[in-house]
C-alpha atoms as a PDB file:
ATOM      1  CA  UNK A   1      42.793   2.583  20.574  1.00  0.00           C
ATOM      2  CA  UNK A   2      42.889   6.344  21.197  1.00  0.00           C
ATOM      3  CA  UNK A   3      44.211   7.295  24.600  1.00  0.00           C
ATOM      4  CA  UNK A   4      41.803   9.103  26.920  1.00  0.00           C
ATOM      5  CA  UNK A   5      42.828  12.748  27.130  1.00  0.00           C
ATOM      6  CA  UNK A   6      40.377  13.459  29.957  1.00  0.00           C
ATOM      7  CA  UNK A   7      39.678  11.107  32.870  1.00  0.00           C
ATOM      8  CA  UNK A   8      37.249  12.110  35.607  1.00  0.00           C
ATOM      9  CA  UNK A   9      36.828   9.610  38.425  1.00  0.00           C
ATOM     10  CA  UNK A  10      34.012   9.976  40.985  1.00  0.00           C
ATOM     11  CA  UNK A  11      34.146  13.759  40.794  1.00  0.00           C
ATOM     12  CA  UNK A  12      31.908  15.599  43.233  1.00  0.00           C
ATOM     13  CA  UNK A  13      31.476  19.319  43.710  1.00  0.00           C
ATOM     14  CA  UNK A  14      29.711  20.902  46.641  1.00  0.00           C
ATOM     15  CA  UNK A  15      29.340  24.601  47.363  1.00  0.00           C
ATOM     16  CA  UNK A  16      28.795  25.945  50.857  1.00  0.00           C
ATOM     17  CA  UNK A  17      26.302  28.701  51.509  1.00  0.00           C
ATOM     18  CA  UNK A  18      26.506  29.631  55.178  1.00  0.00           C
ATOM     19  CA  UNK A  19      26.063  26.277  56.956  1.00  0.00           C
ATOM     20  CA  UNK A  20      24.255  24.654  54.024  1.00  0.00           C
ATOM     21  CA  UNK A  21      26.062  22.368  51.577  1.00  0.00           C
ATOM     22  CA  UNK A  22      24.730  22.479  48.010  1.00  0.00           C
ATOM     23  CA  UNK A  23      25.746  19.485  45.877  1.00  0.00           C
ATOM     24  CA  UNK A  24      26.323  20.430  42.219  1.00  0.00           C
ATOM     25  CA  UNK A  25      28.057  17.314  40.862  1.00  0.00           C
ATOM     26  CA  UNK A  26      27.768  13.807  42.294  1.00  0.00           C
ATOM     27  CA  UNK A  27      30.176  10.954  41.457  1.00  0.00           C
ATOM     28  CA  UNK A  28      30.743  11.959  37.830  1.00  0.00           C
ATOM     29  CA  UNK A  29      33.011   9.583  35.918  1.00  0.00           C
ATOM     30  CA  UNK A  30      33.872  10.469  32.322  1.00  0.00           C
ATOM     31  CA  UNK A  31      36.537   9.346  29.858  1.00  0.00           C
ATOM     32  CA  UNK A  32      37.089  11.510  26.774  1.00  0.00           C
ATOM     33  CA  UNK A  33      39.433  10.263  24.023  1.00  0.00           C
ATOM     34  CA  UNK A  34      41.961  12.599  22.432  1.00  0.00           C
ATOM     35  CA  UNK A  35      40.462  14.217  19.340  1.00  0.00           C
ATOM     36  CA  UNK A  36      36.871  13.825  20.542  1.00  0.00           C
ATOM     37  CA  UNK A  37      34.171  16.500  20.273  1.00  0.00           C
ATOM     38  CA  UNK A  38      31.975  16.099  23.339  1.00  0.00           C
ATOM     39  CA  UNK A  39      28.685  17.899  23.834  1.00  0.00           C
ATOM     40  CA  UNK A  40      27.406  18.404  27.386  1.00  0.00           C
ATOM     41  CA  UNK A  41      23.648  18.905  27.653  1.00  0.00           C
ATOM     42  CA  UNK A  42      21.173  19.252  30.494  1.00  0.00           C
ATOM     43  CA  UNK A  43      18.807  21.757  32.075  1.00  0.00           C
ATOM     44  CA  UNK A  44      19.984  24.918  33.826  1.00  0.00           C
ATOM     45  CA  UNK A  45      21.502  24.076  37.190  1.00  0.00           C
ATOM     46  CA  UNK A  46      22.452  20.537  36.157  1.00  0.00           C
ATOM     47  CA  UNK A  47      26.174  21.209  36.689  1.00  0.00           C
ATOM     48  CA  UNK A  48      27.341  21.591  33.060  1.00  0.00           C
ATOM     49  CA  UNK A  49      29.228  24.866  33.504  1.00  0.00           C
ATOM     50  CA  UNK A  50      30.646  23.688  36.834  1.00  0.00           C
ATOM     51  CA  UNK A  51      32.023  20.607  35.068  1.00  0.00           C
ATOM     52  CA  UNK A  52      33.576  22.808  32.375  1.00  0.00           C
ATOM     53  CA  UNK A  53      35.177  25.036  35.027  1.00  0.00           C
ATOM     54  CA  UNK A  54      36.631  21.948  36.742  1.00  0.00           C
ATOM     55  CA  UNK A  55      38.141  20.772  33.441  1.00  0.00           C
ATOM     56  CA  UNK A  56      39.648  24.240  32.937  1.00  0.00           C
ATOM     57  CA  UNK A  57      41.188  24.262  36.400  1.00  0.00           C
ATOM     58  CA  UNK A  58      39.142  27.394  37.186  1.00  0.00           C
ATOM     59  CA  UNK A  59      37.443  25.505  40.008  1.00  0.00           C
ATOM     60  CA  UNK A  60      38.488  22.521  42.111  1.00  0.00           C
ATOM     61  CA  UNK A  61      36.516  19.346  42.852  1.00  0.00           C
ATOM     62  CA  UNK A  62      35.349  18.602  46.374  1.00  0.00           C
ATOM     63  CA  UNK A  63      36.182  14.940  45.802  1.00  0.00           C
ATOM     64  CA  UNK A  64      37.452  12.601  43.101  1.00  0.00           C
ATOM     65  CA  UNK A  65      40.229  13.074  40.566  1.00  0.00           C
ATOM     66  CA  UNK A  66      40.640  14.890  37.260  1.00  0.00           C
ATOM     67  CA  UNK A  67      43.433  13.889  34.905  1.00  0.00           C
ATOM     68  CA  UNK A  68      44.058  15.702  31.641  1.00  0.00           C
ATOM     69  CA  UNK A  69      46.866  14.256  29.544  1.00  0.00           C
ATOM     70  CA  UNK A  70      49.592  13.254  31.984  1.00  0.00           C
ATOM     71  CA  UNK A  71      48.562  15.757  34.638  1.00  0.00           C
ATOM     72  CA  UNK A  72      46.419  15.154  37.697  1.00  0.00           C
ATOM     73  CA  UNK A  73      45.120  18.728  37.857  1.00  0.00           C
ATOM     74  CA  UNK A  74      43.075  18.291  41.046  1.00  0.00           C
ATOM     75  CA  UNK A  75      46.300  18.114  43.097  1.00  0.00           C
ATOM     76  CA  UNK A  76      48.184  21.072  41.583  1.00  0.00           C
ATOM     77  CA  UNK A  77      49.004  24.199  43.586  1.00  0.00           C
ATOM     78  CA  UNK A  78      47.284  27.433  42.484  1.00  0.00           C
ATOM     79  CA  UNK A  79      50.460  28.653  40.797  1.00  0.00           C
ATOM     80  CA  UNK A  80      51.089  25.362  38.983  1.00  0.00           C
ATOM     81  CA  UNK A  81      47.440  25.220  37.971  1.00  0.00           C
ATOM     82  CA  UNK A  82      47.553  28.733  36.472  1.00  0.00           C
ATOM     83  CA  UNK A  83      50.653  27.826  34.449  1.00  0.00           C
ATOM     84  CA  UNK A  84      49.067  24.554  33.315  1.00  0.00           C
ATOM     85  CA  UNK A  85      45.844  26.323  32.301  1.00  0.00           C
ATOM     86  CA  UNK A  86      47.697  28.969  30.274  1.00  0.00           C
ATOM     87  CA  UNK A  87      49.469  26.243  28.310  1.00  0.00           C
ATOM     88  CA  UNK A  88      46.769  23.622  27.859  1.00  0.00           C
ATOM     89  CA  UNK A  89      43.312  25.248  27.926  1.00  0.00           C
ATOM     90  CA  UNK A  90      41.519  27.412  25.386  1.00  0.00           C
ATOM     91  CA  UNK A  91      38.192  28.731  26.760  1.00  0.00           C
ATOM     92  CA  UNK A  92      35.350  30.060  24.587  1.00  0.00           C
ATOM     93  CA  UNK A  93      32.665  32.007  26.472  1.00  0.00           C
ATOM     94  CA  UNK A  94      29.043  32.701  25.562  1.00  0.00           C
ATOM     95  CA  UNK A  95      29.538  36.492  25.757  1.00  0.00           C
ATOM     96  CA  UNK A  96      32.954  36.554  23.986  1.00  0.00           C
ATOM     97  CA  UNK A  97      34.760  38.377  26.858  1.00  0.00           C
ATOM     98  CA  UNK A  98      36.710  40.546  24.424  1.00  0.00           C
ATOM     99  CA  UNK A  99      38.342  43.705  25.773  1.00  0.00           C
ATOM    100  CA  UNK A 100      36.610  46.635  24.014  1.00  0.00           C
ATOM    101  CA  UNK A 101      39.629  48.984  23.951  1.00  0.00           C
ATOM    102  CA  UNK A 102      41.822  46.383  22.201  1.00  0.00           C
ATOM    103  CA  UNK A 103      41.727  45.496  18.506  1.00  0.00           C
ATOM    104  CA  UNK A 104      40.932  41.979  17.321  1.00  0.00           C
ATOM    105  CA  UNK A 105      44.684  41.422  16.893  1.00  0.00           C
ATOM    106  CA  UNK A 106      45.450  42.634  20.429  1.00  0.00           C
ATOM    107  CA  UNK A 107      42.649  40.544  21.951  1.00  0.00           C
ATOM    108  CA  UNK A 108      43.964  37.401  20.265  1.00  0.00           C
ATOM    109  CA  UNK A 109      47.544  38.253  21.276  1.00  0.00           C
ATOM    110  CA  UNK A 110      46.702  38.495  24.998  1.00  0.00           C
ATOM    111  CA  UNK A 111      47.405  34.840  25.961  1.00  0.00           C
ATOM    112  CA  UNK A 112      50.772  35.029  24.160  1.00  0.00           C
ATOM    113  CA  UNK A 113      51.969  37.897  26.352  1.00  0.00           C
ATOM    114  CA  UNK A 114      52.483  35.294  29.093  1.00  0.00           C
ATOM    115  CA  UNK A 115      54.867  33.298  26.898  1.00  0.00           C
ATOM    116  CA  UNK A 116      58.517  33.794  25.918  1.00  0.00           C
ATOM    117  CA  UNK A 117      57.664  34.334  22.234  1.00  0.00           C
ATOM    118  CA  UNK A 118      59.212  37.323  20.480  1.00  0.00           C
ATOM    119  CA  UNK A 119      56.992  40.089  19.074  1.00  0.00           C
ATOM    120  CA  UNK A 120      57.519  38.683  15.555  1.00  0.00           C
ATOM    121  CA  UNK A 121      56.580  35.164  16.669  1.00  0.00           C
ATOM    122  CA  UNK A 122      53.508  36.484  18.468  1.00  0.00           C
ATOM    123  CA  UNK A 123      52.405  38.283  15.314  1.00  0.00           C
ATOM    124  CA  UNK A 124      52.789  35.086  13.266  1.00  0.00           C
ATOM    125  CA  UNK A 125      50.734  33.091  15.782  1.00  0.00           C
ATOM    126  CA  UNK A 126      48.004  35.749  15.942  1.00  0.00           C
ATOM    127  CA  UNK A 127      47.681  36.049  12.172  1.00  0.00           C
ATOM    128  CA  UNK A 128      47.590  32.255  11.819  1.00  0.00           C
ATOM    129  CA  UNK A 129      44.734  32.083  14.341  1.00  0.00           C
ATOM    130  CA  UNK A 130      42.854  34.950  12.662  1.00  0.00           C
ATOM    131  CA  UNK A 131      43.302  33.266   9.282  1.00  0.00           C
ATOM    132  CA  UNK A 132      41.824  30.034  10.641  1.00  0.00           C
ATOM    133  CA  UNK A 133      38.680  31.913  11.739  1.00  0.00           C
ATOM    134  CA  UNK A 134      38.645  33.910   8.434  1.00  0.00           C
ATOM    135  CA  UNK A 135      39.134  37.297  10.101  1.00  0.00           C
ATOM    136  CA  UNK A 136      42.693  38.287   9.154  1.00  0.00           C
ATOM    137  CA  UNK A 137      41.200  41.296   7.313  1.00  0.00           C
ATOM    138  CA  UNK A 138      39.579  42.476  10.572  1.00  0.00           C
ATOM    139  CA  UNK A 139      42.764  42.404  12.679  1.00  0.00           C
ATOM    140  CA  UNK A 140      42.751  46.184  13.244  1.00  0.00           C
ATOM    141  CA  UNK A 141      39.024  46.385  14.066  1.00  0.00           C
ATOM    142  CA  UNK A 142      37.713  46.908  17.591  1.00  0.00           C
ATOM    143  CA  UNK A 143      34.964  44.648  19.004  1.00  0.00           C
ATOM    144  CA  UNK A 144      32.332  47.394  18.535  1.00  0.00           C
ATOM    145  CA  UNK A 145      33.135  47.370  14.792  1.00  0.00           C
ATOM    146  CA  UNK A 146      32.396  43.643  14.497  1.00  0.00           C
ATOM    147  CA  UNK A 147      29.183  41.640  14.403  1.00  0.00           C
ATOM    148  CA  UNK A 148      28.388  39.212  17.235  1.00  0.00           C
ATOM    149  CA  UNK A 149      29.428  36.272  15.068  1.00  0.00           C
ATOM    150  CA  UNK A 150      32.731  37.969  14.212  1.00  0.00           C
ATOM    151  CA  UNK A 151      33.345  38.755  17.885  1.00  0.00           C
ATOM    152  CA  UNK A 152      32.855  35.094  18.772  1.00  0.00           C
ATOM    153  CA  UNK A 153      35.248  34.059  15.981  1.00  0.00           C
ATOM    154  CA  UNK A 154      37.858  36.484  17.394  1.00  0.00           C
ATOM    155  CA  UNK A 155      37.261  34.867  20.796  1.00  0.00           C
ATOM    156  CA  UNK A 156      37.836  31.441  19.214  1.00  0.00           C
ATOM    157  CA  UNK A 157      41.070  32.728  17.617  1.00  0.00           C
ATOM    158  CA  UNK A 158      42.166  33.881  21.087  1.00  0.00           C
ATOM    159  CA  UNK A 159      41.330  30.432  22.483  1.00  0.00           C
ATOM    160  CA  UNK A 160      43.394  28.566  19.851  1.00  0.00           C
ATOM    161  CA  UNK A 161      46.359  30.972  19.523  1.00  0.00           C
ATOM    162  CA  UNK A 162      48.456  29.057  22.090  1.00  0.00           C
ATOM    163  CA  UNK A 163      47.650  25.736  20.361  1.00  0.00           C
ATOM    164  CA  UNK A 164      45.997  24.374  23.529  1.00  0.00           C
ATOM    165  CA  UNK A 165      45.537  20.699  24.355  1.00  0.00           C
ATOM    166  CA  UNK A 166      41.837  21.175  25.067  1.00  0.00           C
ATOM    167  CA  UNK A 167      39.170  23.607  23.840  1.00  0.00           C
ATOM    168  CA  UNK A 168      36.294  24.282  26.243  1.00  0.00           C
ATOM    169  CA  UNK A 169      33.211  26.098  24.951  1.00  0.00           C
ATOM    170  CA  UNK A 170      30.449  27.324  27.286  1.00  0.00           C
ATOM    171  CA  UNK A 171      27.269  27.951  25.243  1.00  0.00           C
ATOM    172  CA  UNK A 172      29.369  29.336  22.347  1.00  0.00           C
ATOM    173  CA  UNK A 173      26.286  30.085  20.203  1.00  0.00           C
ATOM    174  CA  UNK A 174      23.970  31.195  23.033  1.00  0.00           C
ATOM    175  CA  UNK A 175      24.135  34.889  22.108  1.00  0.00           C
ATOM    176  CA  UNK A 176      24.133  34.531  18.300  1.00  0.00           C
ATOM    177  CA  UNK A 177      21.524  34.546  15.544  1.00  0.00           C
ATOM    178  CA  UNK A 178      21.018  31.307  13.592  1.00  0.00           C
ATOM    179  CA  UNK A 179      23.353  32.237  10.703  1.00  0.00           C
ATOM    180  CA  UNK A 180      26.244  33.342  12.948  1.00  0.00           C
ATOM    181  CA  UNK A 181      25.680  30.313  15.206  1.00  0.00           C
ATOM    182  CA  UNK A 182      25.952  28.018  12.195  1.00  0.00           C
ATOM    183  CA  UNK A 183      29.252  29.648  11.139  1.00  0.00           C
ATOM    184  CA  UNK A 184      30.703  29.281  14.650  1.00  0.00           C
ATOM    185  CA  UNK A 185      29.608  25.631  14.866  1.00  0.00           C
ATOM    186  CA  UNK A 186      31.124  24.887  11.452  1.00  0.00           C
ATOM    187  CA  UNK A 187      34.371  26.497  12.635  1.00  0.00           C
ATOM    188  CA  UNK A 188      34.424  24.388  15.820  1.00  0.00           C
ATOM    189  CA  UNK A 189      33.758  21.257  13.778  1.00  0.00           C
ATOM    190  CA  UNK A 190      36.630  22.183  11.470  1.00  0.00           C
ATOM    191  CA  UNK A 191      38.969  22.708  14.435  1.00  0.00           C
ATOM    192  CA  UNK A 192      38.036  19.205  15.561  1.00  0.00           C
ATOM    193  CA  UNK A 193      38.297  17.384  12.213  1.00  0.00           C
ATOM    194  CA  UNK A 194      41.077  19.316  10.439  1.00  0.00           C
ATOM    195  CA  UNK A 195      43.182  20.457  13.379  1.00  0.00           C
ATOM    196  CA  UNK A 196      42.403  17.439  15.637  1.00  0.00           C
ATOM    197  CA  UNK A 197      41.423  19.645  18.578  1.00  0.00           C
ATOM    198  CA  UNK A 198      39.696  17.943  21.485  1.00  0.00           C
ATOM    199  CA  UNK A 199      36.577  19.978  22.282  1.00  0.00           C
ATOM    200  CA  UNK A 200      34.134  19.884  25.193  1.00  0.00           C
ATOM    201  CA  UNK A 201      31.095  22.080  24.559  1.00  0.00           C
ATOM    202  CA  UNK A 202      28.256  22.943  26.926  1.00  0.00           C
ATOM    203  CA  UNK A 203      25.065  23.748  25.029  1.00  0.00           C
ATOM    204  CA  UNK A 204      21.283  23.958  25.356  1.00  0.00           C
ATOM    205  CA  UNK A 205      20.926  24.063  21.575  1.00  0.00           C
ATOM    206  CA  UNK A 206      20.068  20.751  19.861  1.00  0.00           C
ATOM    207  CA  UNK A 207      21.470  22.129  16.574  1.00  0.00           C
ATOM    208  CA  UNK A 208      24.809  22.743  18.293  1.00  0.00           C
ATOM    209  CA  UNK A 209      24.686  19.334  19.981  1.00  0.00           C
ATOM    210  CA  UNK A 210      24.247  17.654  16.575  1.00  0.00           C
ATOM    211  CA  UNK A 211      27.765  18.750  15.614  1.00  0.00           C
ATOM    212  CA  UNK A 212      29.378  16.886  18.518  1.00  0.00           C
ATOM    213  CA  UNK A 213      30.742  13.351  18.150  1.00  0.00           C
ATOM    214  CA  UNK A 214      29.356  12.294  21.529  1.00  0.00           C
ATOM    215  CA  UNK A 215      26.755  13.684  23.898  1.00  0.00           C
ATOM    216  CA  UNK A 216      26.579  13.457  27.673  1.00  0.00           C
ATOM    217  CA  UNK A 217      23.464  14.482  29.601  1.00  0.00           C
ATOM    218  CA  UNK A 218      23.653  15.860  33.121  1.00  0.00           C
ATOM    219  CA  UNK A 219      20.609  15.880  35.363  1.00  0.00           C
ATOM    220  CA  UNK A 220      20.917  17.416  38.851  1.00  0.00           C
ATOM    221  CA  UNK A 221      24.667  16.827  38.900  1.00  0.00           C
ATOM    222  CA  UNK A 222      24.490  13.205  37.765  1.00  0.00           C
ATOM    223  CA  UNK A 223      25.335  11.668  34.419  1.00  0.00           C
ATOM    224  CA  UNK A 224      22.045  10.181  33.238  1.00  0.00           C
ATOM    225  CA  UNK A 225      22.773   8.873  29.768  1.00  0.00           C
ATOM    226  CA  UNK A 226      25.421   8.767  27.099  1.00  0.00           C
ATOM    227  CA  UNK A 227      24.357   9.171  23.489  1.00  0.00           C
ATOM    228  CA  UNK A 228      26.398   8.823  20.312  1.00  0.00           C
ATOM    229  CA  UNK A 229      25.666  11.850  18.162  1.00  0.00           C
END
């Protein structure tokens, strides 16, 4: 039996606006095995992105516990959490979040600047990541010289360059045409099957959801059903 890489137990998240408390997640319990490819679906405002941010350690739960691997991340200090996130999380955003004045190579290298790797080792890691996303020949190009699909593949290379424990993707095809979206989804599927990466992907797109191994549906902050893809 595959060990659960992610364990959420009775996780709640409430935001305060003035004196009003706004519940976003209510008693969410999820277990995700290592090597799984989980799709998170649900209408806007259902709590999908909040859940992803909690898994990334970008946000903290109001209640409940979040364990990823051997680490109970909900109890870490801010400094420990930042160090944990840099080592274990690769985040893929809908709008790429590439830095326009840096080349594809330099964008992918960014997470490695926080490590103790030498310049030579960093170069090897970056070129490996760019090779995986089939963009080694675009290493010297700037984001403006790339198509949207290529920009997202550079962003994926940046997310995998540290060999993270967990890949989190927030609407990774939301800004792409159908052809580019298909290429990005095929790449994510390959990272899961060939490279055994555990992936949690938030999506509205049923075509994207089809690529996941499992689907979870959130409705108003509550898990409403679990579907095998």
